[in-house]
Structures are given as C-alpha cells and as structure tokens.
Amino acid sequence: MPQTPEPVGKPPVWDRQTPSKVERIFSYCVILIVVLLGVLILAGAFGISPQFKGILGVILIGYGLIRFLLMKTKFDRFKERKKERLGEGDKKANETLRN
C-alpha cells in the first residue's frame, strides 16, 4: 500500500501546535498597554471624573492581570505539549533502533 508523503513546510496557522514569537510578543505588549492605561487613569492623567476614574482604572488593571495569567497558562501548555511530542518521538526512535 503506498504511503502518503509527509507535508512539506510550515503547517497552516490554524493547525500549529505552538504560538509564534510575534504572537507572544504582541500579546504581552497589549497586556502591558492595558495595565499602564489603567494605572494612568487611576493617577488622573486623562482628566476623567473621580466617580469613574477608580472603577475604570481597576477594571483595566484587573483585565490586564487576568489576560496575563491566561496567556501565561496558554503558552506553558504549548511548551508542555511540545515536550511531550518530542518525548514520544524519542520513544519511537528508540523502539525502531531496538528492532
């Protein structure tokens, strides 16, 4: 039975197992901007009324922190999956060498 050839090149964006470095940098930059915006609003840099300044600042800082935790967890999961795949590849190679 003929074997199908392995795909050549990078997999499509929706099929990748790890995020690119650009995605990672962009995500962390957005988080930094959101948190800094929240801090600036709390500090009174934009002249927002005191009624809304505290609420909006805290919401933006909280959103930035939650986003950071979610992105960190996501990237850690990608690293774990990559290590698992590399470990499976080593096991298959070792089994092939033994036979």
PDB file of N, CA and C in Angstrom:
ATOM      1  N   MET A   1       0.839  -1.165   0.000  1.00  0.00           N
ATOM      2  CA  MET A   1       0.000   0.000   0.000  1.00  0.00           C
ATOM      3  C   MET A   1       0.893   1.239   0.000  1.00  0.00           C
ATOM      4  N   PRO A   2       0.670   2.173  -0.918  1.00  0.00           N
ATOM      5  CA  PRO A   2       1.542   3.343  -0.989  1.00  0.00           C
ATOM      6  C   PRO A   2       1.329   4.275   0.205  1.00  0.00           C
ATOM      7  N   GLN A   3       2.424   4.820   0.661  1.00  0.00           N
ATOM      8  CA  GLN A   3       2.352   5.738   1.787  1.00  0.00           C
ATOM      9  C   GLN A   3       2.135   7.161   1.282  1.00  0.00           C
ATOM     10  N   THR A   4       1.373   7.919   2.047  1.00  0.00           N
ATOM     11  CA  THR A   4       1.167   9.312   1.666  1.00  0.00           C
ATOM     12  C   THR A   4       2.383  10.114   2.109  1.00  0.00           C
ATOM     13  N   PRO A   5       2.822  11.048   1.295  1.00  0.00           N
ATOM     14  CA  PRO A   5       4.020  11.820   1.657  1.00  0.00           C
ATOM     15  C   PRO A   5       3.733  12.761   2.823  1.00  0.00           C
ATOM     16  N   GLU A   6       4.773  13.019   3.594  1.00  0.00           N
ATOM     17  CA  GLU A   6       4.668  13.951   4.706  1.00  0.00           C
ATOM     18  C   GLU A   6       4.521  15.369   4.152  1.00  0.00           C
ATOM     19  N   PRO A   7       3.704  16.213   4.793  1.00  0.00           N
ATOM     20  CA  PRO A   7       3.579  17.585   4.316  1.00  0.00           C
ATOM     21  C   PRO A   7       4.899  18.336   4.465  1.00  0.00           C
ATOM     22  N   VAL A   8       5.192  19.159   3.485  1.00  0.00           N
ATOM     23  CA  VAL A   8       6.440  19.912   3.480  1.00  0.00           C
ATOM     24  C   VAL A   8       6.143  21.353   3.867  1.00  0.00           C
ATOM     25  N   GLY A   9       7.022  21.961   4.646  1.00  0.00           N
ATOM     26  CA  GLY A   9       6.841  23.355   5.031  1.00  0.00           C
ATOM     27  C   GLY A   9       6.094  23.497   6.344  1.00  0.00           C
ATOM     28  N   LYS A  10       5.727  24.724   6.627  1.00  0.00           N
ATOM     29  CA  LYS A  10       5.022  25.017   7.873  1.00  0.00           C
ATOM     30  C   LYS A  10       3.556  24.611   7.762  1.00  0.00           C
ATOM     31  N   PRO A  11       2.977  24.134   8.868  1.00  0.00           N
ATOM     32  CA  PRO A  11       1.541  23.838   8.851  1.00  0.00           C
ATOM     33  C   PRO A  11       0.750  25.141   8.789  1.00  0.00           C
ATOM     34  N   PRO A  12      -0.506  25.076   8.349  1.00  0.00           N
ATOM     35  CA  PRO A  12      -1.316  26.292   8.313  1.00  0.00           C
ATOM     36  C   PRO A  12      -1.468  26.899   9.701  1.00  0.00           C
ATOM     37  N   VAL A  13      -1.778  28.184   9.742  1.00  0.00           N
ATOM     38  CA  VAL A  13      -1.856  28.920  11.005  1.00  0.00           C
ATOM     39  C   VAL A  13      -2.819  28.243  11.984  1.00  0.00           C
ATOM     40  N   TRP A  14      -3.965  27.778  11.512  1.00  0.00           N
ATOM     41  CA  TRP A  14      -4.960  27.190  12.405  1.00  0.00           C
ATOM     42  C   TRP A  14      -4.562  25.803  12.894  1.00  0.00           C
ATOM     43  N   ASP A  15      -3.505  25.205  12.332  1.00  0.00           N
ATOM     44  CA  ASP A  15      -3.112  23.848  12.689  1.00  0.00           C
ATOM     45  C   ASP A  15      -1.803  23.820  13.477  1.00  0.00           C
ATOM     46  N   ARG A  16      -1.260  24.965  13.818  1.00  0.00           N
ATOM     47  CA  ARG A  16       0.006  24.982  14.545  1.00  0.00           C
ATOM     48  C   ARG A  16      -0.186  24.539  15.980  1.00  0.00           C
ATOM     49  N   GLN A  17       0.846  23.957  16.528  1.00  0.00           N
ATOM     50  CA  GLN A  17       0.791  23.480  17.906  1.00  0.00           C
ATOM     51  C   GLN A  17       1.391  24.486  18.878  1.00  0.00           C
ATOM     52  N   THR A  18       2.179  25.442  18.391  1.00  0.00           N
ATOM     53  CA  THR A  18       2.785  26.434  19.268  1.00  0.00           C
ATOM     54  C   THR A  18       2.580  27.827  18.692  1.00  0.00           C
ATOM     55  N   PRO A  19       2.424  28.823  19.548  1.00  0.00           N
ATOM     56  CA  PRO A  19       2.282  30.194  19.051  1.00  0.00           C
ATOM     57  C   PRO A  19       3.624  30.724  18.574  1.00  0.00           C
ATOM     58  N   SER A  20       3.595  31.600  17.596  1.00  0.00           N
ATOM     59  CA  SER A  20       4.844  32.172  17.104  1.00  0.00           C
ATOM     60  C   SER A  20       5.357  33.210  18.093  1.00  0.00           C
ATOM     61  N   LYS A  21       6.613  33.570  17.909  1.00  0.00           N
ATOM     62  CA  LYS A  21       7.229  34.555  18.787  1.00  0.00           C
ATOM     63  C   LYS A  21       6.521  35.906  18.654  1.00  0.00           C
ATOM     64  N   VAL A  22       6.080  36.237  17.441  1.00  0.00           N
ATOM     65  CA  VAL A  22       5.390  37.507  17.208  1.00  0.00           C
ATOM     66  C   VAL A  22       4.071  37.541  17.975  1.00  0.00           C
ATOM     67  N   GLU A  23       3.332  36.436  17.967  1.00  0.00           N
ATOM     68  CA  GLU A  23       2.070  36.361  18.717  1.00  0.00           C
ATOM     69  C   GLU A  23       2.312  36.553  20.209  1.00  0.00           C
ATOM     70  N   ARG A  24       3.349  35.938  20.696  1.00  0.00           N
ATOM     71  CA  ARG A  24       3.669  36.032  22.113  1.00  0.00           C
ATOM     72  C   ARG A  24       4.031  37.470  22.502  1.00  0.00           C
ATOM     73  N   ILE A  25       4.890  38.096  21.704  1.00  0.00           N
ATOM     74  CA  ILE A  25       5.313  39.469  21.978  1.00  0.00           C
ATOM     75  C   ILE A  25       4.116  40.420  21.891  1.00  0.00           C
ATOM     76  N   PHE A  26       3.289  40.240  20.863  1.00  0.00           N
ATOM     77  CA  PHE A  26       2.112  41.097  20.695  1.00  0.00           C
ATOM     78  C   PHE A  26       1.172  40.960  21.887  1.00  0.00           C
ATOM     79  N   SER A  27       0.930  39.741  22.337  1.00  0.00           N
ATOM     80  CA  SER A  27       0.029  39.514  23.464  1.00  0.00           C
ATOM     81  C   SER A  27       0.534  40.206  24.725  1.00  0.00           C
ATOM     82  N   TYR A  28       1.807  40.072  25.004  1.00  0.00           N
ATOM     83  CA  TYR A  28       2.350  40.698  26.207  1.00  0.00           C
ATOM     84  C   TYR A  28       2.391  42.220  26.086  1.00  0.00           C
ATOM     85  N   CYS A  29       2.612  42.749  24.887  1.00  0.00           N
ATOM     86  CA  CYS A  29       2.575  44.210  24.698  1.00  0.00           C
ATOM     87  C   CYS A  29       1.175  44.761  24.942  1.00  0.00           C
ATOM     88  N   VAL A  30       0.152  44.065  24.449  1.00  0.00           N
ATOM     89  CA  VAL A  30      -1.223  44.506  24.673  1.00  0.00           C
ATOM     90  C   VAL A  30      -1.537  44.494  26.166  1.00  0.00           C
ATOM     91  N   ILE A  31      -1.106  43.463  26.858  1.00  0.00           N
ATOM     92  CA  ILE A  31      -1.334  43.377  28.304  1.00  0.00           C
ATOM     93  C   ILE A  31      -0.664  44.557  29.008  1.00  0.00           C
ATOM     94  N   LEU A  32       0.569  44.848  28.633  1.00  0.00           N
ATOM     95  CA  LEU A  32       1.296  45.952  29.244  1.00  0.00           C
ATOM     96  C   LEU A  32       0.587  47.287  28.998  1.00  0.00           C
ATOM     97  N   ILE A  33       0.105  47.500  27.778  1.00  0.00           N
ATOM     98  CA  ILE A  33      -0.595  48.743  27.444  1.00  0.00           C
ATOM     99  C   ILE A  33      -1.871  48.883  28.271  1.00  0.00           C
ATOM    100  N   VAL A  34      -2.639  47.801  28.398  1.00  0.00           N
ATOM    101  CA  VAL A  34      -3.897  47.853  29.156  1.00  0.00           C
ATOM    102  C   VAL A  34      -3.627  48.164  30.629  1.00  0.00           C
ATOM    103  N   VAL A  35      -2.636  47.522  31.220  1.00  0.00           N
ATOM    104  CA  VAL A  35      -2.324  47.763  32.634  1.00  0.00           C
ATOM    105  C   VAL A  35      -1.815  49.191  32.831  1.00  0.00           C
ATOM    106  N   LEU A  36      -0.925  49.655  31.935  1.00  0.00           N
ATOM    107  CA  LEU A  36      -0.428  51.026  32.060  1.00  0.00           C
ATOM    108  C   LEU A  36      -1.549  52.041  31.898  1.00  0.00           C
ATOM    109  N   LEU A  37      -2.474  51.787  30.991  1.00  0.00           N
ATOM    110  CA  LEU A  37      -3.616  52.677  30.811  1.00  0.00           C
ATOM    111  C   LEU A  37      -4.445  52.737  32.090  1.00  0.00           C
ATOM    112  N   GLY A  38      -4.654  51.596  32.727  1.00  0.00           N
ATOM    113  CA  GLY A  38      -5.381  51.566  33.991  1.00  0.00           C
ATOM    114  C   GLY A  38      -4.677  52.351  35.081  1.00  0.00           C
ATOM    115  N   VAL A  39      -3.357  52.211  35.155  1.00  0.00           N
ATOM    116  CA  VAL A  39      -2.585  52.946  36.162  1.00  0.00           C
ATOM    117  C   VAL A  39      -2.652  54.450  35.889  1.00  0.00           C
ATOM    118  N   LEU A  40      -2.528  54.838  34.623  1.00  0.00           N
ATOM    119  CA  LEU A  40      -2.594  56.258  34.273  1.00  0.00           C
ATOM    120  C   LEU A  40      -3.970  56.849  34.589  1.00  0.00           C
ATOM    121  N   ILE A  41      -5.015  56.084  34.343  1.00  0.00           N
ATOM    122  CA  ILE A  41      -6.360  56.561  34.667  1.00  0.00           C
ATOM    123  C   ILE A  41      -6.507  56.742  36.175  1.00  0.00           C
ATOM    124  N   LEU A  42      -5.994  55.791  36.951  1.00  0.00           N
ATOM    125  CA  LEU A  42      -6.054  55.929  38.410  1.00  0.00           C
ATOM    126  C   LEU A  42      -5.252  57.136  38.900  1.00  0.00           C
ATOM    127  N   ALA A  43      -4.158  57.425  38.201  1.00  0.00           N
ATOM    128  CA  ALA A  43      -3.310  58.545  38.601  1.00  0.00           C
ATOM    129  C   ALA A  43      -3.904  59.892  38.187  1.00  0.00           C
ATOM    130  N   GLY A  44      -4.936  59.873  37.345  1.00  0.00           N
ATOM    131  CA  GLY A  44      -5.587  61.119  36.950  1.00  0.00           C
ATOM    132  C   GLY A  44      -4.973  61.788  35.736  1.00  0.00           C
ATOM    133  N   ALA A  45      -4.296  61.043  34.879  1.00  0.00           N
ATOM    134  CA  ALA A  45      -3.611  61.613  33.726  1.00  0.00           C
ATOM    135  C   ALA A  45      -4.568  62.056  32.622  1.00  0.00           C
ATOM    136  N   PHE A  46      -5.789  61.564  32.594  1.00  0.00           N
ATOM    137  CA  PHE A  46      -6.691  61.861  31.485  1.00  0.00           C
ATOM    138  C   PHE A  46      -7.845  62.782  31.867  1.00  0.00           C
ATOM    139  N   GLY A  47      -7.910  63.241  33.077  1.00  0.00           N
ATOM    140  CA  GLY A  47      -8.951  64.150  33.499  1.00  0.00           C
ATOM    141  C   GLY A  47     -10.345  63.535  33.527  1.00  0.00           C
ATOM    142  N   ILE A  48     -10.413  62.255  33.794  1.00  0.00           N
ATOM    143  CA  ILE A  48     -11.703  61.574  33.914  1.00  0.00           C
ATOM    144  C   ILE A  48     -12.290  61.918  35.283  1.00  0.00           C
ATOM    145  N   SER A  49     -13.597  62.025  35.352  1.00  0.00           N
ATOM    146  CA  SER A  49     -14.231  62.400  36.619  1.00  0.00           C
ATOM    147  C   SER A  49     -13.899  61.371  37.707  1.00  0.00           C
ATOM    148  N   PRO A  50     -13.758  61.824  38.928  1.00  0.00           N
ATOM    149  CA  PRO A  50     -13.386  60.937  40.029  1.00  0.00           C
ATOM    150  C   PRO A  50     -14.352  59.781  40.253  1.00  0.00           C
ATOM    151  N   GLN A  51     -15.606  59.952  39.859  1.00  0.00           N
ATOM    152  CA  GLN A  51     -16.581  58.868  40.024  1.00  0.00           C
ATOM    153  C   GLN A  51     -16.189  57.636  39.205  1.00  0.00           C
ATOM    154  N   PHE A  52     -15.696  57.881  37.997  1.00  0.00           N
ATOM    155  CA  PHE A  52     -15.418  56.772  37.083  1.00  0.00           C
ATOM    156  C   PHE A  52     -13.942  56.386  37.054  1.00  0.00           C
ATOM    157  N   LYS A  53     -13.088  57.287  37.520  1.00  0.00           N
ATOM    158  CA  LYS A  53     -11.644  57.060  37.456  1.00  0.00           C
ATOM    159  C   LYS A  53     -11.247  55.772  38.172  1.00  0.00           C
ATOM    160  N   GLY A  54     -11.697  55.592  39.396  1.00  0.00           N
ATOM    161  CA  GLY A  54     -11.328  54.410  40.175  1.00  0.00           C
ATOM    162  C   GLY A  54     -11.872  53.133  39.583  1.00  0.00           C
ATOM    163  N   ILE A  55     -13.131  53.178  39.188  1.00  0.00           N
ATOM    164  CA  ILE A  55     -13.755  51.970  38.639  1.00  0.00           C
ATOM    165  C   ILE A  55     -13.076  51.546  37.337  1.00  0.00           C
ATOM    166  N   LEU A  56     -12.909  52.503  36.418  1.00  0.00           N
ATOM    167  CA  LEU A  56     -12.310  52.182  35.123  1.00  0.00           C
ATOM    168  C   LEU A  56     -10.860  51.730  35.265  1.00  0.00           C
ATOM    169  N   GLY A  57     -10.109  52.413  36.134  1.00  0.00           N
ATOM    170  CA  GLY A  57      -8.712  52.030  36.346  1.00  0.00           C
ATOM    171  C   GLY A  57      -8.576  50.621  36.891  1.00  0.00           C
ATOM    172  N   VAL A  58      -9.388  50.298  37.882  1.00  0.00           N
ATOM    173  CA  VAL A  58      -9.335  48.962  38.486  1.00  0.00           C
ATOM    174  C   VAL A  58      -9.779  47.894  37.482  1.00  0.00           C
ATOM    175  N   ILE A  59     -10.795  48.193  36.700  1.00  0.00           N
ATOM    176  CA  ILE A  59     -11.261  47.221  35.694  1.00  0.00           C
ATOM    177  C   ILE A  59     -10.163  46.950  34.671  1.00  0.00           C
ATOM    178  N   LEU A  60      -9.491  48.000  34.183  1.00  0.00           N
ATOM    179  CA  LEU A  60      -8.432  47.799  33.189  1.00  0.00           C
ATOM    180  C   LEU A  60      -7.245  47.034  33.777  1.00  0.00           C
ATOM    181  N   ILE A  61      -6.856  47.372  34.982  1.00  0.00           N
ATOM    182  CA  ILE A  61      -5.737  46.646  35.609  1.00  0.00           C
ATOM    183  C   ILE A  61      -6.123  45.191  35.849  1.00  0.00           C
ATOM    184  N   GLY A  62      -7.328  44.956  36.343  1.00  0.00           N
ATOM    185  CA  GLY A  62      -7.791  43.579  36.553  1.00  0.00           C
ATOM    186  C   GLY A  62      -7.850  42.790  35.258  1.00  0.00           C
ATOM    187  N   TYR A  63      -8.366  43.440  34.197  1.00  0.00           N
ATOM    188  CA  TYR A  63      -8.427  42.762  32.904  1.00  0.00           C
ATOM    189  C   TYR A  63      -7.025  42.411  32.404  1.00  0.00           C
ATOM    190  N   GLY A  64      -6.085  43.342  32.572  1.00  0.00           N
ATOM    191  CA  GLY A  64      -4.711  43.077  32.148  1.00  0.00           C
ATOM    192  C   GLY A  64      -4.096  41.917  32.909  1.00  0.00           C
ATOM    193  N   LEU A  65      -4.337  41.864  34.220  1.00  0.00           N
ATOM    194  CA  LEU A  65      -3.779  40.775  35.027  1.00  0.00           C
ATOM    195  C   LEU A  65      -4.405  39.427  34.669  1.00  0.00           C
ATOM    196  N   ILE A  66      -5.714  39.420  34.460  1.00  0.00           N
ATOM    197  CA  ILE A  66      -6.379  38.173  34.072  1.00  0.00           C
ATOM    198  C   ILE A  66      -5.887  37.709  32.707  1.00  0.00           C
ATOM    199  N   ARG A  67      -5.760  38.646  31.789  1.00  0.00           N
ATOM    200  CA  ARG A  67      -5.255  38.313  30.449  1.00  0.00           C
ATOM    201  C   ARG A  67      -3.837  37.761  30.534  1.00  0.00           C
ATOM    202  N   PHE A  68      -3.008  38.361  31.393  1.00  0.00           N
ATOM    203  CA  PHE A  68      -1.640  37.875  31.570  1.00  0.00           C
ATOM    204  C   PHE A  68      -1.639  36.432  32.073  1.00  0.00           C
ATOM    205  N   LEU A  69      -2.447  36.162  33.078  1.00  0.00           N
ATOM    206  CA  LEU A  69      -2.485  34.798  33.624  1.00  0.00           C
ATOM    207  C   LEU A  69      -2.972  33.792  32.586  1.00  0.00           C
ATOM    208  N   LEU A  70      -3.983  34.168  31.813  1.00  0.00           N
ATOM    209  CA  LEU A  70      -4.494  33.264  30.779  1.00  0.00           C
ATOM    210  C   LEU A  70      -3.461  33.016  29.686  1.00  0.00           C
ATOM    211  N   MET A  71      -2.770  34.062  29.255  1.00  0.00           N
ATOM    212  CA  MET A  71      -1.764  33.900  28.205  1.00  0.00           C
ATOM    213  C   MET A  71      -0.583  33.077  28.711  1.00  0.00           C
ATOM    214  N   LYS A  72      -0.172  33.333  29.948  1.00  0.00           N
ATOM    215  CA  LYS A  72       0.947  32.568  30.525  1.00  0.00           C
ATOM    216  C   LYS A  72       0.590  31.091  30.604  1.00  0.00           C
ATOM    217  N   THR A  73      -0.626  30.795  31.039  1.00  0.00           N
ATOM    218  CA  THR A  73      -1.079  29.403  31.117  1.00  0.00           C
ATOM    219  C   THR A  73      -1.116  28.775  29.731  1.00  0.00           C
ATOM    220  N   LYS A  74      -1.606  29.508  28.760  1.00  0.00           N
ATOM    221  CA  LYS A  74      -1.699  29.004  27.389  1.00  0.00           C
ATOM    222  C   LYS A  74      -0.309  28.687  26.843  1.00  0.00           C
ATOM    223  N   PHE A  75       0.643  29.603  27.009  1.00  0.00           N
ATOM    224  CA  PHE A  75       1.982  29.375  26.485  1.00  0.00           C
ATOM    225  C   PHE A  75       2.690  28.248  27.226  1.00  0.00           C
ATOM    226  N   ASP A  76       2.427  28.099  28.529  1.00  0.00           N
ATOM    227  CA  ASP A  76       3.009  26.984  29.282  1.00  0.00           C
ATOM    228  C   ASP A  76       2.469  25.649  28.785  1.00  0.00           C
ATOM    229  N   ARG A  77       1.159  25.618  28.460  1.00  0.00           N
ATOM    230  CA  ARG A  77       0.572  24.386  27.913  1.00  0.00           C
ATOM    231  C   ARG A  77       1.194  24.017  26.576  1.00  0.00           C
ATOM    232  N   PHE A  78       1.449  25.035  25.744  1.00  0.00           N
ATOM    233  CA  PHE A  78       2.095  24.774  24.459  1.00  0.00           C
ATOM    234  C   PHE A  78       3.480  24.172  24.665  1.00  0.00           C
ATOM    235  N   LYS A  79       4.222  24.693  25.636  1.00  0.00           N
ATOM    236  CA  LYS A  79       5.559  24.167  25.923  1.00  0.00           C
ATOM    237  C   LYS A  79       5.485  22.711  26.381  1.00  0.00           C
ATOM    238  N   GLU A  80       4.511  22.403  27.263  1.00  0.00           N
ATOM    239  CA  GLU A  80       4.356  21.037  27.753  1.00  0.00           C
ATOM    240  C   GLU A  80       4.021  20.079  26.615  1.00  0.00           C
ATOM    241  N   ARG A  81       3.112  20.499  25.735  1.00  0.00           N
ATOM    242  CA  ARG A  81       2.747  19.651  24.588  1.00  0.00           C
ATOM    243  C   ARG A  81       3.950  19.406  23.696  1.00  0.00           C
ATOM    244  N   LYS A  82       4.752  20.435  23.493  1.00  0.00           N
ATOM    245  CA  LYS A  82       5.933  20.288  22.646  1.00  0.00           C
ATOM    246  C   LYS A  82       6.912  19.293  23.265  1.00  0.00           C
ATOM    247  N   LYS A  83       7.105  19.388  24.589  1.00  0.00           N
ATOM    248  CA  LYS A  83       7.996  18.446  25.268  1.00  0.00           C
ATOM    249  C   LYS A  83       7.463  17.020  25.168  1.00  0.00           C
ATOM    250  N   GLU A  84       6.132  16.868  25.304  1.00  0.00           N
ATOM    251  CA  GLU A  84       5.533  15.541  25.201  1.00  0.00           C
ATOM    252  C   GLU A  84       5.725  14.959  23.807  1.00  0.00           C
ATOM    253  N   ARG A  85       5.525  15.792  22.792  1.00  0.00           N
ATOM    254  CA  ARG A  85       5.706  15.313  21.416  1.00  0.00           C
ATOM    255  C   ARG A  85       7.141  14.927  21.163  1.00  0.00           C
ATOM    256  N   LEU A  86       8.089  15.712  21.678  1.00  0.00           N
ATOM    257  CA  LEU A  86       9.493  15.379  21.494  1.00  0.00           C
ATOM    258  C   LEU A  86       9.833  14.088  22.232  1.00  0.00           C
ATOM    259  N   GLY A  87       9.247  13.907  23.408  1.00  0.00           N
ATOM    260  CA  GLY A  87       9.475  12.676  24.169  1.00  0.00           C
ATOM    261  C   GLY A  87       8.929  11.462  23.448  1.00  0.00           C
ATOM    262  N   GLU A  88       7.742  11.596  22.825  1.00  0.00           N
ATOM    263  CA  GLU A  88       7.163  10.489  22.067  1.00  0.00           C
ATOM    264  C   GLU A  88       8.020  10.163  20.867  1.00  0.00           C
ATOM    265  N   GLY A  89       8.565  11.177  20.236  1.00  0.00           N
ATOM    266  CA  GLY A  89       9.432  10.953  19.080  1.00  0.00           C
ATOM    267  C   GLY A  89      10.677  10.186  19.472  1.00  0.00           C
ATOM    268  N   ASP A  90      11.240  10.502  20.643  1.00  0.00           N
ATOM    269  CA  ASP A  90      12.411   9.789  21.135  1.00  0.00           C
ATOM    270  C   ASP A  90      12.076   8.329  21.415  1.00  0.00           C
ATOM    271  N   LYS A  91      10.890   8.069  22.004  1.00  0.00           N
ATOM    272  CA  LYS A  91      10.481   6.698  22.294  1.00  0.00           C
ATOM    273  C   LYS A  91      10.344   5.900  21.011  1.00  0.00           C
ATOM    274  N   LYS A  92       9.731   6.502  19.985  1.00  0.00           N
ATOM    275  CA  LYS A  92       9.565   5.804  18.708  1.00  0.00           C
ATOM    276  C   LYS A  92      10.911   5.514  18.066  1.00  0.00           C
ATOM    277  N   ALA A  93      11.826   6.480  18.150  1.00  0.00           N
ATOM    278  CA  ALA A  93      13.147   6.282  17.575  1.00  0.00           C
ATOM    279  C   ALA A  93      13.891   5.167  18.308  1.00  0.00           C
ATOM    280  N   ASN A  94      13.779   5.135  19.636  1.00  0.00           N
ATOM    281  CA  ASN A  94      14.434   4.092  20.409  1.00  0.00           C
ATOM    282  C   ASN A  94      13.862   2.720  20.089  1.00  0.00           C
ATOM    283  N   GLU A  95      12.540   2.626  19.913  1.00  0.00           N
ATOM    284  CA  GLU A  95      11.921   1.347  19.569  1.00  0.00           C
ATOM    285  C   GLU A  95      12.371   0.883  18.192  1.00  0.00           C
ATOM    286  N   THR A  96      12.494   1.812  17.259  1.00  0.00           N
ATOM    287  CA  THR A  96      12.925   1.465  15.906  1.00  0.00           C
ATOM    288  C   THR A  96      14.361   0.949  15.938  1.00  0.00           C
ATOM    289  N   LEU A  97      15.218   1.586  16.739  1.00  0.00           N
ATOM    290  CA  LEU A  97      16.605   1.154  16.832  1.00  0.00           C
ATOM    291  C   LEU A  97      16.734  -0.216  17.478  1.00  0.00           C
ATOM    292  N   ARG A  98      15.856  -0.519  18.423  1.00  0.00           N
ATOM    293  CA  ARG A  98      15.918  -1.817  19.107  1.00  0.00           C
ATOM    294  C   ARG A  98      15.520  -2.950  18.165  1.00  0.00           C
ATOM    295  N   ASN A  99      14.582  -2.678  17.241  1.00  0.00           N
ATOM    296  CA  ASN A  99      14.124  -3.747  16.336  1.00  0.00           C
ATOM    297  C   ASN A  99      15.033  -3.895  15.204  1.00  0.00           C
TER     298      ASN A  99
END
